[in-house]
Amino acid sequence: MSFNSSSEDVSALRDEVARLTKIVSSQGTRAYSDTREKAAEAYDAAAPYAKKAVAQVKAESRAVADVAREHPTGIAGVVVLATAIGVAVGYILGSSSQPEPRSWWR
């Protein structure tokens, strides 16, 4: 009698696990499809802006290239000036920071 009761309990538990597995699976599928739809909507909304940004960057790069072709010495001067400013800022930041004390046991 006890054996039948145990096997019925095990059978009921198996049925419950199968039912819960189906529920979780359907919820996972639903969540996946919802997320996929939202991602597609976000992509569709962002695509026109990205295309406009790419076109703007291309136009600006063409303009910079044209100026560089027309005035190569001016561009060289700008590059040298930017390098000098970068070195100066790096030197100032490097000299203003305190080095960590180094102990002999480290």
PDB file of N, CA and C in Angstrom:
ATOM      1  N   MET A   1       0.818  -1.182   0.000  1.00  0.00           N
ATOM      2  CA  MET A   1       0.000   0.000   0.000  1.00  0.00           C
ATOM      3  C   MET A   1       0.863   1.246   0.000  1.00  0.00           C
ATOM      4  N   SER A   2       1.891   1.206   0.779  1.00  0.00           N
ATOM      5  CA  SER A   2       2.796   2.343   0.853  1.00  0.00           C
ATOM      6  C   SER A   2       3.530   2.536  -0.463  1.00  0.00           C
ATOM      7  N   PHE A   3       3.856   1.428  -1.124  1.00  0.00           N
ATOM      8  CA  PHE A   3       4.578   1.504  -2.397  1.00  0.00           C
ATOM      9  C   PHE A   3       3.724   2.180  -3.463  1.00  0.00           C
ATOM     10  N   ASN A   4       2.423   1.859  -3.528  1.00  0.00           N
ATOM     11  CA  ASN A   4       1.514   2.486  -4.483  1.00  0.00           C
ATOM     12  C   ASN A   4       1.394   3.975  -4.223  1.00  0.00           C
ATOM     13  N   SER A   5       1.300   4.333  -2.981  1.00  0.00           N
ATOM     14  CA  SER A   5       1.181   5.740  -2.623  1.00  0.00           C
ATOM     15  C   SER A   5       2.431   6.504  -3.040  1.00  0.00           C
ATOM     16  N   SER A   6       3.597   5.901  -2.836  1.00  0.00           N
ATOM     17  CA  SER A   6       4.854   6.551  -3.218  1.00  0.00           C
ATOM     18  C   SER A   6       4.951   6.697  -4.728  1.00  0.00           C
ATOM     19  N   SER A   7       4.568   5.654  -5.457  1.00  0.00           N
ATOM     20  CA  SER A   7       4.648   5.740  -6.917  1.00  0.00           C
ATOM     21  C   SER A   7       3.645   6.748  -7.462  1.00  0.00           C
ATOM     22  N   GLU A   8       2.499   6.865  -6.809  1.00  0.00           N
ATOM     23  CA  GLU A   8       1.526   7.875  -7.227  1.00  0.00           C
ATOM     24  C   GLU A   8       2.063   9.276  -6.955  1.00  0.00           C
ATOM     25  N   ASP A   9       2.737   9.433  -5.817  1.00  0.00           N
ATOM     26  CA  ASP A   9       3.340  10.730  -5.495  1.00  0.00           C
ATOM     27  C   ASP A   9       4.423  11.093  -6.506  1.00  0.00           C
ATOM     28  N   VAL A  10       5.252  10.114  -6.855  1.00  0.00           N
ATOM     29  CA  VAL A  10       6.312  10.356  -7.834  1.00  0.00           C
ATOM     30  C   VAL A  10       5.704  10.703  -9.183  1.00  0.00           C
ATOM     31  N   SER A  11       4.655   9.998  -9.556  1.00  0.00           N
ATOM     32  CA  SER A  11       3.984  10.277 -10.827  1.00  0.00           C
ATOM     33  C   SER A  11       3.379  11.683 -10.824  1.00  0.00           C
ATOM     34  N   ALA A  12       2.778  12.053  -9.705  1.00  0.00           N
ATOM     35  CA  ALA A  12       2.194  13.394  -9.599  1.00  0.00           C
ATOM     36  C   ALA A  12       3.284  14.461  -9.673  1.00  0.00           C
ATOM     37  N   LEU A  13       4.411  14.185  -9.025  1.00  0.00           N
ATOM     38  CA  LEU A  13       5.524  15.138  -9.082  1.00  0.00           C
ATOM     39  C   LEU A  13       6.070  15.268 -10.504  1.00  0.00           C
ATOM     40  N   ARG A  14       6.168  14.155 -11.208  1.00  0.00           N
ATOM     41  CA  ARG A  14       6.644  14.203 -12.604  1.00  0.00           C
ATOM     42  C   ARG A  14       5.693  15.025 -13.469  1.00  0.00           C
ATOM     43  N   ASP A  15       4.405  14.812 -13.265  1.00  0.00           N
ATOM     44  CA  ASP A  15       3.420  15.581 -14.030  1.00  0.00           C
ATOM     45  C   ASP A  15       3.534  17.073 -13.717  1.00  0.00           C
ATOM     46  N   GLU A  16       3.741  17.390 -12.435  1.00  0.00           N
ATOM     47  CA  GLU A  16       3.867  18.790 -12.037  1.00  0.00           C
ATOM     48  C   GLU A  16       5.133  19.409 -12.624  1.00  0.00           C
ATOM     49  N   VAL A  17       6.234  18.666 -12.614  1.00  0.00           N
ATOM     50  CA  VAL A  17       7.486  19.163 -13.203  1.00  0.00           C
ATOM     51  C   VAL A  17       7.307  19.385 -14.699  1.00  0.00           C
ATOM     52  N   ALA A  18       6.624  18.484 -15.381  1.00  0.00           N
ATOM     53  CA  ALA A  18       6.383  18.646 -16.814  1.00  0.00           C
ATOM     54  C   ALA A  18       5.532  19.881 -17.077  1.00  0.00           C
ATOM     55  N   ARG A  19       4.521  20.092 -16.243  1.00  0.00           N
ATOM     56  CA  ARG A  19       3.654  21.261 -16.403  1.00  0.00           C
ATOM     57  C   ARG A  19       4.443  22.554 -16.174  1.00  0.00           C
ATOM     58  N   LEU A  20       5.255  22.570 -15.128  1.00  0.00           N
ATOM     59  CA  LEU A  20       6.064  23.757 -14.843  1.00  0.00           C
ATOM     60  C   LEU A  20       7.097  24.005 -15.939  1.00  0.00           C
ATOM     61  N   THR A  21       7.652  22.937 -16.486  1.00  0.00           N
ATOM     62  CA  THR A  21       8.616  23.081 -17.579  1.00  0.00           C
ATOM     63  C   THR A  21       7.965  23.733 -18.791  1.00  0.00           C
ATOM     64  N   LYS A  22       6.748  23.319 -19.099  1.00  0.00           N
ATOM     65  CA  LYS A  22       6.031  23.929 -20.221  1.00  0.00           C
ATOM     66  C   LYS A  22       5.752  25.407 -19.966  1.00  0.00           C
ATOM     67  N   ILE A  23       5.374  25.735 -18.732  1.00  0.00           N
ATOM     68  CA  ILE A  23       5.085  27.135 -18.394  1.00  0.00           C
ATOM     69  C   ILE A  23       6.337  27.988 -18.537  1.00  0.00           C
ATOM     70  N   VAL A  24       7.442  27.513 -17.968  1.00  0.00           N
ATOM     71  CA  VAL A  24       8.693  28.271 -18.038  1.00  0.00           C
ATOM     72  C   VAL A  24       9.160  28.401 -19.482  1.00  0.00           C
ATOM     73  N   SER A  25       9.012  27.344 -20.245  1.00  0.00           N
ATOM     74  CA  SER A  25       9.422  27.383 -21.649  1.00  0.00           C
ATOM     75  C   SER A  25       8.599  28.396 -22.437  1.00  0.00           C
ATOM     76  N   SER A  26       7.300  28.415 -22.211  1.00  0.00           N
ATOM     77  CA  SER A  26       6.461  29.370 -22.944  1.00  0.00           C
ATOM     78  C   SER A  26       6.767  30.802 -22.516  1.00  0.00           C
ATOM     79  N   GLN A  27       7.047  31.018 -21.230  1.00  0.00           N
ATOM     80  CA  GLN A  27       7.404  32.359 -20.776  1.00  0.00           C
ATOM     81  C   GLN A  27       8.743  32.793 -21.359  1.00  0.00           C
ATOM     82  N   GLY A  28       9.699  31.867 -21.442  1.00  0.00           N
ATOM     83  CA  GLY A  28      10.995  32.193 -22.039  1.00  0.00           C
ATOM     84  C   GLY A  28      10.858  32.537 -23.508  1.00  0.00           C
ATOM     85  N   THR A  29      10.044  31.779 -24.211  1.00  0.00           N
ATOM     86  CA  THR A  29       9.821  32.049 -25.630  1.00  0.00           C
ATOM     87  C   THR A  29       9.151  33.404 -25.818  1.00  0.00           C
ATOM     88  N   ARG A  30       8.181  33.705 -24.973  1.00  0.00           N
ATOM     89  CA  ARG A  30       7.485  34.981 -25.056  1.00  0.00           C
ATOM     90  C   ARG A  30       8.438  36.143 -24.742  1.00  0.00           C
ATOM     91  N   ALA A  31       9.265  35.976 -23.727  1.00  0.00           N
ATOM     92  CA  ALA A  31      10.219  37.033 -23.375  1.00  0.00           C
ATOM     93  C   ALA A  31      11.225  37.243 -24.500  1.00  0.00           C
ATOM     94  N   TYR A  32      11.676  36.151 -25.115  1.00  0.00           N
ATOM     95  CA  TYR A  32      12.621  36.260 -26.232  1.00  0.00           C
ATOM     96  C   TYR A  32      11.994  37.007 -27.400  1.00  0.00           C
ATOM     97  N   SER A  33      10.764  36.658 -27.744  1.00  0.00           N
ATOM     98  CA  SER A  33      10.129  37.319 -28.888  1.00  0.00           C
ATOM     99  C   SER A  33       9.849  38.790 -28.584  1.00  0.00           C
ATOM    100  N   ASP A  34       9.460  39.098 -27.341  1.00  0.00           N
ATOM    101  CA  ASP A  34       9.242  40.503 -26.975  1.00  0.00           C
ATOM    102  C   ASP A  34      10.534  41.300 -27.062  1.00  0.00           C
ATOM    103  N   THR A  35      11.612  40.726 -26.546  1.00  0.00           N
ATOM    104  CA  THR A  35      12.908  41.409 -26.594  1.00  0.00           C
ATOM    105  C   THR A  35      13.370  41.594 -28.024  1.00  0.00           C
ATOM    106  N   ARG A  36      13.155  40.589 -28.847  1.00  0.00           N
ATOM    107  CA  ARG A  36      13.558  40.687 -30.250  1.00  0.00           C
ATOM    108  C   ARG A  36      12.763  41.774 -30.967  1.00  0.00           C
ATOM    109  N   GLU A  37      11.479  41.862 -30.687  1.00  0.00           N
ATOM    110  CA  GLU A  37      10.654  42.902 -31.309  1.00  0.00           C
ATOM    111  C   GLU A  37      11.102  44.294 -30.873  1.00  0.00           C
ATOM    112  N   LYS A  38      11.397  44.458 -29.586  1.00  0.00           N
ATOM    113  CA  LYS A  38      11.850  45.760 -29.098  1.00  0.00           C
ATOM    114  C   LYS A  38      13.195  46.137 -29.707  1.00  0.00           C
ATOM    115  N   ALA A  39      14.076  45.153 -29.857  1.00  0.00           N
ATOM    116  CA  ALA A  39      15.377  45.430 -30.471  1.00  0.00           C
ATOM    117  C   ALA A  39      15.209  45.825 -31.932  1.00  0.00           C
ATOM    118  N   ALA A  40      14.305  45.166 -32.630  1.00  0.00           N
ATOM    119  CA  ALA A  40      14.058  45.514 -34.030  1.00  0.00           C
ATOM    120  C   ALA A  40      13.485  46.927 -34.138  1.00  0.00           C
ATOM    121  N   GLU A  41      12.593  47.282 -33.226  1.00  0.00           N
ATOM    122  CA  GLU A  41      12.035  48.638 -33.236  1.00  0.00           C
ATOM    123  C   GLU A  41      13.113  49.674 -32.957  1.00  0.00           C
ATOM    124  N   ALA A  42      13.987  49.386 -32.000  1.00  0.00           N
ATOM    125  CA  ALA A  42      15.070  50.323 -31.678  1.00  0.00           C
ATOM    126  C   ALA A  42      16.024  50.468 -32.855  1.00  0.00           C
ATOM    127  N   TYR A  43      16.323  49.361 -33.515  1.00  0.00           N
ATOM    128  CA  TYR A  43      17.203  49.410 -34.686  1.00  0.00           C
ATOM    129  C   TYR A  43      16.560  50.224 -35.800  1.00  0.00           C
ATOM    130  N   ASP A  44      15.288  49.972 -36.047  1.00  0.00           N
ATOM    131  CA  ASP A  44      14.588  50.712 -37.101  1.00  0.00           C
ATOM    132  C   ASP A  44      14.519  52.204 -36.790  1.00  0.00           C
ATOM    133  N   ALA A  45      14.390  52.548 -35.516  1.00  0.00           N
ATOM    134  CA  ALA A  45      14.337  53.961 -35.136  1.00  0.00           C
ATOM    135  C   ALA A  45      15.707  54.616 -35.254  1.00  0.00           C
ATOM    136  N   ALA A  46      16.775  53.874 -34.959  1.00  0.00           N
ATOM    137  CA  ALA A  46      18.120  54.455 -34.957  1.00  0.00           C
ATOM    138  C   ALA A  46      18.769  54.462 -36.337  1.00  0.00           C
ATOM    139  N   ALA A  47      18.345  53.607 -37.230  1.00  0.00           N
ATOM    140  CA  ALA A  47      18.995  53.477 -38.538  1.00  0.00           C
ATOM    141  C   ALA A  47      19.015  54.781 -39.337  1.00  0.00           C
ATOM    142  N   PRO A  48      17.920  55.532 -39.444  1.00  0.00           N
ATOM    143  CA  PRO A  48      17.986  56.784 -40.212  1.00  0.00           C
ATOM    144  C   PRO A  48      18.965  57.798 -39.615  1.00  0.00           C
ATOM    145  N   TYR A  49      18.997  57.869 -38.281  1.00  0.00           N
ATOM    146  CA  TYR A  49      19.928  58.804 -37.639  1.00  0.00           C
ATOM    147  C   TYR A  49      21.374  58.390 -37.886  1.00  0.00           C
ATOM    148  N   ALA A  50      21.626  57.094 -37.860  1.00  0.00           N
ATOM    149  CA  ALA A  50      22.982  56.610 -38.115  1.00  0.00           C
ATOM    150  C   ALA A  50      23.394  56.903 -39.555  1.00  0.00           C
ATOM    151  N   LYS A  51      22.482  56.735 -40.492  1.00  0.00           N
ATOM    152  CA  LYS A  51      22.799  57.035 -41.893  1.00  0.00           C
ATOM    153  C   LYS A  51      23.109  58.519 -42.072  1.00  0.00           C
ATOM    154  N   LYS A  52      22.326  59.370 -41.401  1.00  0.00           N
ATOM    155  CA  LYS A  52      22.589  60.809 -41.485  1.00  0.00           C
ATOM    156  C   LYS A  52      23.937  61.150 -40.869  1.00  0.00           C
ATOM    157  N   ALA A  53      24.263  60.515 -39.754  1.00  0.00           N
ATOM    158  CA  ALA A  53      25.547  60.778 -39.093  1.00  0.00           C
ATOM    159  C   ALA A  53      26.706  60.338 -39.971  1.00  0.00           C
ATOM    160  N   VAL A  54      26.577  59.198 -40.618  1.00  0.00           N
ATOM    161  CA  VAL A  54      27.636  58.713 -41.511  1.00  0.00           C
ATOM    162  C   VAL A  54      27.812  59.666 -42.682  1.00  0.00           C
ATOM    163  N   ALA A  55      26.717  60.128 -43.248  1.00  0.00           N
ATOM    164  CA  ALA A  55      26.807  61.074 -44.363  1.00  0.00           C
ATOM    165  C   ALA A  55      27.473  62.371 -43.921  1.00  0.00           C
ATOM    166  N   GLN A  56      27.144  62.845 -42.726  1.00  0.00           N
ATOM    167  CA  GLN A  56      27.749  64.074 -42.209  1.00  0.00           C
ATOM    168  C   GLN A  56      29.246  63.894 -41.982  1.00  0.00           C
ATOM    169  N   VAL A  57      29.639  62.763 -41.422  1.00  0.00           N
ATOM    170  CA  VAL A  57      31.064  62.503 -41.188  1.00  0.00           C
ATOM    171  C   VAL A  57      31.816  62.421 -42.510  1.00  0.00           C
ATOM    172  N   LYS A  58      31.213  61.780 -43.501  1.00  0.00           N
ATOM    173  CA  LYS A  58      31.863  61.706 -44.818  1.00  0.00           C
ATOM    174  C   LYS A  58      32.039  63.094 -45.418  1.00  0.00           C
ATOM    175  N   ALA A  59      31.010  63.925 -45.307  1.00  0.00           N
ATOM    176  CA  ALA A  59      31.102  65.279 -45.857  1.00  0.00           C
ATOM    177  C   ALA A  59      32.177  66.085 -45.138  1.00  0.00           C
ATOM    178  N   GLU A  60      32.239  65.975 -43.825  1.00  0.00           N
ATOM    179  CA  GLU A  60      33.259  66.706 -43.066  1.00  0.00           C
ATOM    180  C   GLU A  60      34.658  66.203 -43.399  1.00  0.00           C
ATOM    181  N   SER A  61      34.803  64.894 -43.558  1.00  0.00           N
ATOM    182  CA  SER A  61      36.135  64.367 -43.881  1.00  0.00           C
ATOM    183  C   SER A  61      36.577  64.812 -45.269  1.00  0.00           C
ATOM    184  N   ARG A  62      35.631  64.891 -46.196  1.00  0.00           N
ATOM    185  CA  ARG A  62      35.978  65.407 -47.527  1.00  0.00           C
ATOM    186  C   ARG A  62      36.418  66.866 -47.438  1.00  0.00           C
ATOM    187  N   ALA A  63      35.711  67.653 -46.633  1.00  0.00           N
ATOM    188  CA  ALA A  63      36.067  69.068 -46.476  1.00  0.00           C
ATOM    189  C   ALA A  63      37.450  69.214 -45.854  1.00  0.00           C
ATOM    190  N   VAL A  64      37.753  68.419 -44.844  1.00  0.00           N
ATOM    191  CA  VAL A  64      39.073  68.476 -44.211  1.00  0.00           C
ATOM    192  C   VAL A  64      40.151  68.045 -45.191  1.00  0.00           C
ATOM    193  N   ALA A  65      39.878  67.014 -45.970  1.00  0.00           N
ATOM    194  CA  ALA A  65      40.860  66.558 -46.957  1.00  0.00           C
ATOM    195  C   ALA A  65      41.107  67.626 -48.013  1.00  0.00           C
ATOM    196  N   ASP A  66      40.052  68.309 -48.436  1.00  0.00           N
ATOM    197  CA  ASP A  66      40.228  69.387 -49.418  1.00  0.00           C
ATOM    198  C   ASP A  66      41.077  70.520 -48.855  1.00  0.00           C
ATOM    199  N   VAL A  67      40.822  70.904 -47.616  1.00  0.00           N
ATOM    200  CA  VAL A  67      41.615  71.963 -46.985  1.00  0.00           C
ATOM    201  C   VAL A  67      43.061  71.515 -46.840  1.00  0.00           C
ATOM    202  N   ALA A  68      43.272  70.266 -46.478  1.00  0.00           N
ATOM    203  CA  ALA A  68      44.641  69.759 -46.324  1.00  0.00           C
ATOM    204  C   ALA A  68      45.377  69.764 -47.661  1.00  0.00           C
ATOM    205  N   ARG A  69      44.670  69.467 -48.740  1.00  0.00           N
ATOM    206  CA  ARG A  69      45.307  69.494 -50.061  1.00  0.00           C
ATOM    207  C   ARG A  69      45.666  70.921 -50.473  1.00  0.00           C
ATOM    208  N   GLU A  70      44.792  71.863 -50.130  1.00  0.00           N
ATOM    209  CA  GLU A  70      45.026  73.253 -50.520  1.00  0.00           C
ATOM    210  C   GLU A  70      46.086  73.929 -49.662  1.00  0.00           C
ATOM    211  N   HIS A  71      46.179  73.567 -48.382  1.00  0.00           N
ATOM    212  CA  HIS A  71      47.096  74.232 -47.452  1.00  0.00           C
ATOM    213  C   HIS A  71      47.901  73.205 -46.652  1.00  0.00           C
ATOM    214  N   PRO A  72      48.849  72.522 -47.272  1.00  0.00           N
ATOM    215  CA  PRO A  72      49.587  71.483 -46.548  1.00  0.00           C
ATOM    216  C   PRO A  72      50.458  72.037 -45.420  1.00  0.00           C
ATOM    217  N   THR A  73      51.032  73.234 -45.590  1.00  0.00           N
ATOM    218  CA  THR A  73      51.868  73.784 -44.520  1.00  0.00           C
ATOM    219  C   THR A  73      51.026  74.215 -43.325  1.00  0.00           C
ATOM    220  N   GLY A  74      49.834  74.684 -43.583  1.00  0.00           N
ATOM    221  CA  GLY A  74      48.938  75.054 -42.481  1.00  0.00           C
ATOM    222  C   GLY A  74      48.557  73.837 -41.649  1.00  0.00           C
ATOM    223  N   ILE A  75      48.283  72.735 -42.316  1.00  0.00           N
ATOM    224  CA  ILE A  75      47.937  71.501 -41.609  1.00  0.00           C
ATOM    225  C   ILE A  75      49.125  71.010 -40.798  1.00  0.00           C
ATOM    226  N   ALA A  76      50.325  71.107 -41.378  1.00  0.00           N
ATOM    227  CA  ALA A  76      51.523  70.689 -40.643  1.00  0.00           C
ATOM    228  C   ALA A  76      51.707  71.548 -39.396  1.00  0.00           C
ATOM    229  N   GLY A  77      51.452  72.835 -39.520  1.00  0.00           N
ATOM    230  CA  GLY A  77      51.551  73.720 -38.359  1.00  0.00           C
ATOM    231  C   GLY A  77      50.550  73.360 -37.279  1.00  0.00           C
ATOM    232  N   VAL A  78      49.330  73.025 -37.684  1.00  0.00           N
ATOM    233  CA  VAL A  78      48.300  72.636 -36.720  1.00  0.00           C
ATOM    234  C   VAL A  78      48.701  71.348 -36.011  1.00  0.00           C
ATOM    235  N   VAL A  79      49.250  70.399 -36.757  1.00  0.00           N
ATOM    236  CA  VAL A  79      49.675  69.131 -36.154  1.00  0.00           C
ATOM    237  C   VAL A  79      50.803  69.366 -35.159  1.00  0.00           C
ATOM    238  N   VAL A  80      51.782  70.201 -35.527  1.00  0.00           N
ATOM    239  CA  VAL A  80      52.892  70.499 -34.622  1.00  0.00           C
ATOM    240  C   VAL A  80      52.380  71.209 -33.374  1.00  0.00           C
ATOM    241  N   LEU A  81      51.474  72.163 -33.536  1.00  0.00           N
ATOM    242  CA  LEU A  81      50.917  72.881 -32.394  1.00  0.00           C
ATOM    243  C   LEU A  81      50.140  71.938 -31.473  1.00  0.00           C
ATOM    244  N   ALA A  82      49.328  71.074 -32.053  1.00  0.00           N
ATOM    245  CA  ALA A  82      48.560  70.127 -31.239  1.00  0.00           C
ATOM    246  C   ALA A  82      49.494  69.181 -30.490  1.00  0.00           C
ATOM    247  N   THR A  83      50.572  68.752 -31.143  1.00  0.00           N
ATOM    248  CA  THR A  83      51.545  67.881 -30.480  1.00  0.00           C
ATOM    249  C   THR A  83      52.213  68.602 -29.321  1.00  0.00           C
ATOM    250  N   ALA A  84      52.595  69.860 -29.533  1.00  0.00           N
ATOM    251  CA  ALA A  84      53.242  70.633 -28.469  1.00  0.00           C
ATOM    252  C   ALA A  84      52.300  70.831 -27.287  1.00  0.00           C
ATOM    253  N   ILE A  85      51.047  71.105 -27.566  1.00  0.00           N
ATOM    254  CA  ILE A  85      50.071  71.274 -26.483  1.00  0.00           C
ATOM    255  C   ILE A  85      49.890  69.959 -25.728  1.00  0.00           C
ATOM    256  N   GLY A  86      49.820  68.862 -26.453  1.00  0.00           N
ATOM    257  CA  GLY A  86      49.678  67.555 -25.808  1.00  0.00           C
ATOM    258  C   GLY A  86      50.861  67.212 -24.928  1.00  0.00           C
ATOM    259  N   VAL A  87      52.075  67.504 -25.410  1.00  0.00           N
ATOM    260  CA  VAL A  87      53.275  67.247 -24.610  1.00  0.00           C
ATOM    261  C   VAL A  87      53.267  68.123 -23.365  1.00  0.00           C
ATOM    262  N   ALA A  88      52.899  69.386 -23.506  1.00  0.00           N
ATOM    263  CA  ALA A  88      52.875  70.294 -22.355  1.00  0.00           C
ATOM    264  C   ALA A  88      51.853  69.841 -21.312  1.00  0.00           C
ATOM    265  N   VAL A  89      50.670  69.475 -21.756  1.00  0.00           N
ATOM    266  CA  VAL A  89      49.643  69.010 -20.821  1.00  0.00           C
ATOM    267  C   VAL A  89      50.100  67.723 -20.138  1.00  0.00           C
ATOM    268  N   GLY A  90      50.686  66.814 -20.892  1.00  0.00           N
ATOM    269  CA  GLY A  90      51.191  65.574 -20.303  1.00  0.00           C
ATOM    270  C   GLY A  90      52.289  65.820 -19.293  1.00  0.00           C
ATOM    271  N   TYR A  91      53.182  66.752 -19.597  1.00  0.00           N
ATOM    272  CA  TYR A  91      54.268  67.082 -18.669  1.00  0.00           C
ATOM    273  C   TYR A  91      53.715  67.688 -17.386  1.00  0.00           C
ATOM    274  N   ILE A  92      52.764  68.603 -17.530  1.00  0.00           N
ATOM    275  CA  ILE A  92      52.173  69.250 -16.348  1.00  0.00           C
ATOM    276  C   ILE A  92      51.439  68.227 -15.486  1.00  0.00           C
ATOM    277  N   LEU A  93      50.655  67.368 -16.113  1.00  0.00           N
ATOM    278  CA  LEU A  93      49.932  66.352 -15.346  1.00  0.00           C
ATOM    279  C   LEU A  93      50.891  65.359 -14.699  1.00  0.00           C
ATOM    280  N   GLY A  94      51.936  64.995 -15.428  1.00  0.00           N
ATOM    281  CA  GLY A  94      52.899  64.042 -14.885  1.00  0.00           C
ATOM    282  C   GLY A  94      53.708  64.615 -13.743  1.00  0.00           C
ATOM    283  N   SER A  95      54.052  65.877 -13.823  1.00  0.00           N
ATOM    284  CA  SER A  95      54.868  66.470 -12.761  1.00  0.00           C
ATOM    285  C   SER A  95      54.035  66.857 -11.548  1.00  0.00           C
ATOM    286  N   SER A  96      52.726  67.033 -11.723  1.00  0.00           N
ATOM    287  CA  SER A  96      51.891  67.431 -10.586  1.00  0.00           C
ATOM    288  C   SER A  96      51.453  66.239  -9.749  1.00  0.00           C
ATOM    289  N   SER A  97      51.525  65.037 -10.282  1.00  0.00           N
ATOM    290  CA  SER A  97      51.089  63.877  -9.508  1.00  0.00           C
ATOM    291  C   SER A  97      52.214  63.408  -8.592  1.00  0.00           C
ATOM    292  N   GLN A  98      51.825  62.972  -7.414  1.00  0.00           N
ATOM    293  CA  GLN A  98      52.794  62.503  -6.434  1.00  0.00           C
ATOM    294  C   GLN A  98      53.105  61.035  -6.697  1.00  0.00           C
ATOM    295  N   PRO A  99      54.367  60.672  -6.753  1.00  0.00           N
ATOM    296  CA  PRO A  99      54.689  59.251  -6.925  1.00  0.00           C
ATOM    297  C   PRO A  99      54.386  58.485  -5.639  1.00  0.00           C
ATOM    298  N   GLU A 100      54.009  57.245  -5.796  1.00  0.00           N
ATOM    299  CA  GLU A 100      53.738  56.418  -4.629  1.00  0.00           C
ATOM    300  C   GLU A 100      55.051  56.093  -3.934  1.00  0.00           C
ATOM    301  N   PRO A 101      55.060  56.140  -2.610  1.00  0.00           N
ATOM    302  CA  PRO A 101      56.299  55.785  -1.913  1.00  0.00           C
ATOM    303  C   PRO A 101      56.598  54.300  -2.101  1.00  0.00           C
ATOM    304  N   ARG A 102      57.845  54.007  -2.383  1.00  0.00           N
ATOM    305  CA  ARG A 102      58.231  52.612  -2.596  1.00  0.00           C
ATOM    306  C   ARG A 102      59.051  52.153  -1.400  1.00  0.00           C
ATOM    307  N   SER A 103      58.534  51.194  -0.740  1.00  0.00           N
ATOM    308  CA  SER A 103      59.229  50.657   0.421  1.00  0.00           C
ATOM    309  C   SER A 103      60.078  49.472  -0.003  1.00  0.00           C
ATOM    310  N   TRP A 104      61.098  49.203   0.761  1.00  0.00           N
ATOM    311  CA  TRP A 104      62.022  48.142   0.387  1.00  0.00           C
ATOM    312  C   TRP A 104      61.393  46.762   0.494  1.00  0.00           C
ATOM    313  N   TRP A 105      60.296  46.593   1.258  1.00  0.00           N
ATOM    314  CA  TRP A 105      59.701  45.275   1.427  1.00  0.00           C
ATOM    315  C   TRP A 105      58.664  44.949   0.367  1.00  0.00           C
ATOM    316  N   ARG A 106      58.376  45.842  -0.542  1.00  0.00           N
ATOM    317  CA  ARG A 106      57.404  45.568  -1.606  1.00  0.00           C
ATOM    318  C   ARG A 106      58.055  44.973  -2.788  1.00  0.00           C
TER     319      ARG A 106
END
